[in-house]
Amino acid sequence: MRRNSSAECFAVLETIFSSGFEAQLAYLAMKPDEAFKVRGLRASSSLRGRRIIVKVACRRGLKSLAYTLLEYLHHFKMIQEAASRLEEAKYPWPRA
Protein backbone atom coordinates (compact mmCIF):
# COMPACT_ATOMS: atom_id res chain seq x y z
CA MET A 1 0.00 0.00 0.00
CA ARG A 2 1.35 3.39 -0.96
CA ARG A 3 1.43 6.18 1.60
CA ASN A 4 -0.11 9.51 0.77
CA SER A 5 2.50 12.10 -0.06
CA SER A 6 3.23 14.63 2.64
CA ALA A 7 2.09 18.17 2.34
CA GLU A 8 4.62 20.57 0.96
CA CYS A 9 6.47 22.55 3.64
CA PHE A 10 8.23 25.86 3.10
CA ALA A 11 10.82 27.72 5.15
CA VAL A 12 12.92 30.83 4.79
CA LEU A 13 16.10 31.07 6.82
CA GLU A 14 17.86 34.44 7.00
CA THR A 15 21.29 34.61 8.59
CA ILE A 16 23.18 37.84 9.23
CA PHE A 17 26.94 37.49 9.53
CA SER A 18 29.26 39.95 11.26
CA SER A 19 30.96 40.76 7.96
CA GLY A 20 30.33 40.52 4.26
CA PHE A 21 33.46 38.36 4.00
CA GLU A 22 32.01 35.73 6.38
CA ALA A 23 28.70 35.78 4.53
CA GLN A 24 30.43 35.32 1.19
CA LEU A 25 32.54 32.42 2.56
CA ALA A 26 29.41 30.66 3.83
CA TYR A 27 27.47 31.34 0.65
CA LEU A 28 30.19 30.05 -1.66
CA ALA A 29 30.85 27.00 0.53
CA MET A 30 27.22 25.87 0.56
CA LYS A 31 26.21 26.83 -2.98
CA PRO A 32 27.41 23.53 -4.58
CA ASP A 33 25.09 21.58 -2.24
CA GLU A 34 22.10 23.21 -3.93
CA ALA A 35 23.08 21.62 -7.25
CA PHE A 36 22.37 18.11 -5.96
CA LYS A 37 18.91 16.93 -6.88
CA VAL A 38 16.93 15.24 -4.13
CA ARG A 39 13.41 14.16 -4.97
CA GLY A 40 10.90 16.26 -3.09
CA LEU A 41 13.41 18.84 -1.82
CA ARG A 42 14.39 22.20 -3.32
CA ALA A 43 16.69 24.77 -1.79
CA SER A 44 18.04 28.04 -3.09
CA SER A 45 20.00 30.82 -1.49
CA SER A 46 20.93 34.40 -2.19
CA LEU A 47 23.62 36.66 -0.81
CA ARG A 48 22.80 40.27 0.10
CA GLY A 49 25.70 41.99 1.81
CA ARG A 50 26.07 40.36 5.22
CA ARG A 51 22.85 38.36 4.80
CA ILE A 52 22.23 34.93 3.35
CA ILE A 53 18.63 34.08 2.60
CA VAL A 54 17.85 30.38 2.15
CA LYS A 55 14.49 29.21 0.79
CA VAL A 56 13.55 25.56 1.17
CA ALA A 57 10.54 23.68 -0.22
CA CYS A 58 10.08 20.11 0.92
CA ARG A 59 7.54 17.41 0.05
CA ARG A 60 9.32 14.82 2.19
CA GLY A 61 7.62 15.83 5.42
CA LEU A 62 8.27 18.22 8.27
CA LYS A 63 11.09 16.11 9.72
CA SER A 64 13.04 16.26 6.45
CA LEU A 65 12.55 20.03 6.30
CA ALA A 66 13.80 20.36 9.89
CA TYR A 67 16.90 18.27 9.16
CA THR A 68 17.64 20.35 6.06
CA LEU A 69 17.41 23.60 8.03
CA LEU A 70 19.56 22.10 10.79
CA GLU A 71 22.25 21.26 8.22
CA TYR A 72 22.27 24.86 7.02
CA LEU A 73 22.51 26.15 10.60
CA HIS A 74 25.41 23.80 11.40
CA HIS A 75 27.13 24.89 8.22
CA PHE A 76 26.74 28.58 9.06
CA LYS A 77 28.04 28.04 12.59
CA MET A 78 31.08 26.18 11.28
CA ILE A 79 31.89 29.02 8.87
CA GLN A 80 31.52 31.63 11.63
CA GLU A 81 33.86 29.67 13.91
CA ALA A 82 36.43 29.22 11.14
CA ALA A 83 36.30 32.93 10.24
CA SER A 84 36.69 33.84 13.91
CA ARG A 85 39.78 31.63 14.22
CA LEU A 86 41.25 33.18 11.08
CA GLU A 87 40.65 36.63 12.57
CA GLU A 88 42.34 35.59 15.85
CA ALA A 89 45.33 34.23 13.92
CA LYS A 90 45.55 37.49 11.99
CA TYR A 91 45.33 39.61 15.17
CA PRO A 92 46.70 37.52 18.07
CA TRP A 93 46.61 40.55 20.40
CA PRO A 94 43.42 42.22 21.67
CA ARG A 95 42.16 44.90 19.32
CA ALA A 96 41.21 48.23 20.80
C-alpha atoms as a PDB file:
ATOM      1  CA  MET A   1       0.000   0.000   0.000  1.00  0.00           C
ATOM      2  CA  ARG A   2       1.348   3.391  -0.963  1.00  0.00           C
ATOM      3  CA  ARG A   3       1.433   6.176   1.603  1.00  0.00           C
ATOM      4  CA  ASN A   4      -0.107   9.510   0.770  1.00  0.00           C
ATOM      5  CA  SER A   5       2.504  12.102  -0.056  1.00  0.00           C
ATOM      6  CA  SER A   6       3.231  14.627   2.643  1.00  0.00           C
ATOM      7  CA  ALA A   7       2.085  18.169   2.345  1.00  0.00           C
ATOM      8  CA  GLU A   8       4.625  20.574   0.956  1.00  0.00           C
ATOM      9  CA  CYS A   9       6.469  22.547   3.639  1.00  0.00           C
ATOM     10  CA  PHE A  10       8.234  25.858   3.099  1.00  0.00           C
ATOM     11  CA  ALA A  11      10.819  27.718   5.153  1.00  0.00           C
ATOM     12  CA  VAL A  12      12.916  30.833   4.788  1.00  0.00           C
ATOM     13  CA  LEU A  13      16.099  31.074   6.820  1.00  0.00           C
ATOM     14  CA  GLU A  14      17.864  34.437   7.002  1.00  0.00           C
ATOM     15  CA  THR A  15      21.293  34.606   8.592  1.00  0.00           C
ATOM     16  CA  ILE A  16      23.182  37.840   9.233  1.00  0.00           C
ATOM     17  CA  PHE A  17      26.938  37.489   9.531  1.00  0.00           C
ATOM     18  CA  SER A  18      29.262  39.945  11.258  1.00  0.00           C
ATOM     19  CA  SER A  19      30.964  40.758   7.958  1.00  0.00           C
ATOM     20  CA  GLY A  20      30.331  40.521   4.258  1.00  0.00           C
ATOM     21  CA  PHE A  21      33.462  38.361   3.996  1.00  0.00           C
ATOM     22  CA  GLU A  22      32.011  35.733   6.376  1.00  0.00           C
ATOM     23  CA  ALA A  23      28.704  35.779   4.530  1.00  0.00           C
ATOM     24  CA  GLN A  24      30.434  35.321   1.186  1.00  0.00           C
ATOM     25  CA  LEU A  25      32.538  32.425   2.558  1.00  0.00           C
ATOM     26  CA  ALA A  26      29.414  30.659   3.828  1.00  0.00           C
ATOM     27  CA  TYR A  27      27.474  31.341   0.654  1.00  0.00           C
ATOM     28  CA  LEU A  28      30.193  30.047  -1.664  1.00  0.00           C
ATOM     29  CA  ALA A  29      30.845  27.003   0.533  1.00  0.00           C
ATOM     30  CA  MET A  30      27.216  25.873   0.564  1.00  0.00           C
ATOM     31  CA  LYS A  31      26.206  26.828  -2.984  1.00  0.00           C
ATOM     32  CA  PRO A  32      27.411  23.531  -4.576  1.00  0.00           C
ATOM     33  CA  ASP A  33      25.085  21.585  -2.239  1.00  0.00           C
ATOM     34  CA  GLU A  34      22.104  23.208  -3.929  1.00  0.00           C
ATOM     35  CA  ALA A  35      23.083  21.623  -7.247  1.00  0.00           C
ATOM     36  CA  PHE A  36      22.367  18.109  -5.964  1.00  0.00           C
ATOM     37  CA  LYS A  37      18.908  16.932  -6.878  1.00  0.00           C
ATOM     38  CA  VAL A  38      16.930  15.235  -4.127  1.00  0.00           C
ATOM     39  CA  ARG A  39      13.412  14.163  -4.970  1.00  0.00           C
ATOM     40  CA  GLY A  40      10.897  16.263  -3.089  1.00  0.00           C
ATOM     41  CA  LEU A  41      13.409  18.841  -1.823  1.00  0.00           C
ATOM     42  CA  ARG A  42      14.386  22.198  -3.318  1.00  0.00           C
ATOM     43  CA  ALA A  43      16.685  24.771  -1.787  1.00  0.00           C
ATOM     44  CA  SER A  44      18.039  28.045  -3.087  1.00  0.00           C
ATOM     45  CA  SER A  45      20.002  30.824  -1.492  1.00  0.00           C
ATOM     46  CA  SER A  46      20.928  34.400  -2.193  1.00  0.00           C
ATOM     47  CA  LEU A  47      23.623  36.662  -0.807  1.00  0.00           C
ATOM     48  CA  ARG A  48      22.797  40.266   0.096  1.00  0.00           C
ATOM     49  CA  GLY A  49      25.697  41.991   1.811  1.00  0.00           C
ATOM     50  CA  ARG A  50      26.066  40.364   5.220  1.00  0.00           C
ATOM     51  CA  ARG A  51      22.850  38.358   4.804  1.00  0.00           C
ATOM     52  CA  ILE A  52      22.229  34.935   3.351  1.00  0.00           C
ATOM     53  CA  ILE A  53      18.631  34.078   2.603  1.00  0.00           C
ATOM     54  CA  VAL A  54      17.847  30.383   2.146  1.00  0.00           C
ATOM     55  CA  LYS A  55      14.494  29.212   0.789  1.00  0.00           C
ATOM     56  CA  VAL A  56      13.545  25.559   1.169  1.00  0.00           C
ATOM     57  CA  ALA A  57      10.535  23.684  -0.224  1.00  0.00           C
ATOM     58  CA  CYS A  58      10.079  20.106   0.922  1.00  0.00           C
ATOM     59  CA  ARG A  59       7.540  17.412   0.051  1.00  0.00           C
ATOM     60  CA  ARG A  60       9.318  14.821   2.186  1.00  0.00           C
ATOM     61  CA  GLY A  61       7.618  15.834   5.423  1.00  0.00           C
ATOM     62  CA  LEU A  62       8.271  18.215   8.265  1.00  0.00           C
ATOM     63  CA  LYS A  63      11.087  16.110   9.719  1.00  0.00           C
ATOM     64  CA  SER A  64      13.045  16.256   6.455  1.00  0.00           C
ATOM     65  CA  LEU A  65      12.549  20.028   6.302  1.00  0.00           C
ATOM     66  CA  ALA A  66      13.798  20.362   9.891  1.00  0.00           C
ATOM     67  CA  TYR A  67      16.902  18.272   9.155  1.00  0.00           C
ATOM     68  CA  THR A  68      17.642  20.351   6.057  1.00  0.00           C
ATOM     69  CA  LEU A  69      17.411  23.598   8.033  1.00  0.00           C
ATOM     70  CA  LEU A  70      19.557  22.099  10.789  1.00  0.00           C
ATOM     71  CA  GLU A  71      22.247  21.260   8.221  1.00  0.00           C
ATOM     72  CA  TYR A  72      22.267  24.858   7.018  1.00  0.00           C
ATOM     73  CA  LEU A  73      22.509  26.152  10.599  1.00  0.00           C
ATOM     74  CA  HIS A  74      25.406  23.798  11.399  1.00  0.00           C
ATOM     75  CA  HIS A  75      27.133  24.888   8.223  1.00  0.00           C
ATOM     76  CA  PHE A  76      26.739  28.577   9.060  1.00  0.00           C
ATOM     77  CA  LYS A  77      28.035  28.038  12.589  1.00  0.00           C
ATOM     78  CA  MET A  78      31.083  26.181  11.285  1.00  0.00           C
ATOM     79  CA  ILE A  79      31.887  29.024   8.865  1.00  0.00           C
ATOM     80  CA  GLN A  80      31.517  31.630  11.631  1.00  0.00           C
ATOM     81  CA  GLU A  81      33.856  29.669  13.913  1.00  0.00           C
ATOM     82  CA  ALA A  82      36.426  29.222  11.137  1.00  0.00           C
ATOM     83  CA  ALA A  83      36.298  32.926  10.237  1.00  0.00           C
ATOM     84  CA  SER A  84      36.691  33.842  13.912  1.00  0.00           C
ATOM     85  CA  ARG A  85      39.783  31.633  14.218  1.00  0.00           C
ATOM     86  CA  LEU A  86      41.246  33.185  11.076  1.00  0.00           C
ATOM     87  CA  GLU A  87      40.647  36.625  12.571  1.00  0.00           C
ATOM     88  CA  GLU A  88      42.337  35.586  15.847  1.00  0.00           C
ATOM     89  CA  ALA A  89      45.327  34.230  13.920  1.00  0.00           C
ATOM     90  CA  LYS A  90      45.547  37.487  11.995  1.00  0.00           C
ATOM     91  CA  TYR A  91      45.333  39.610  15.172  1.00  0.00           C
ATOM     92  CA  PRO A  92      46.698  37.524  18.069  1.00  0.00           C
ATOM     93  CA  TRP A  93      46.615  40.546  20.402  1.00  0.00           C
ATOM     94  CA  PRO A  94      43.420  42.221  21.669  1.00  0.00           C
ATOM     95  CA  ARG A  95      42.160  44.903  19.317  1.00  0.00           C
ATOM     96  CA  ALA A  96      41.214  48.233  20.804  1.00  0.00           C
END
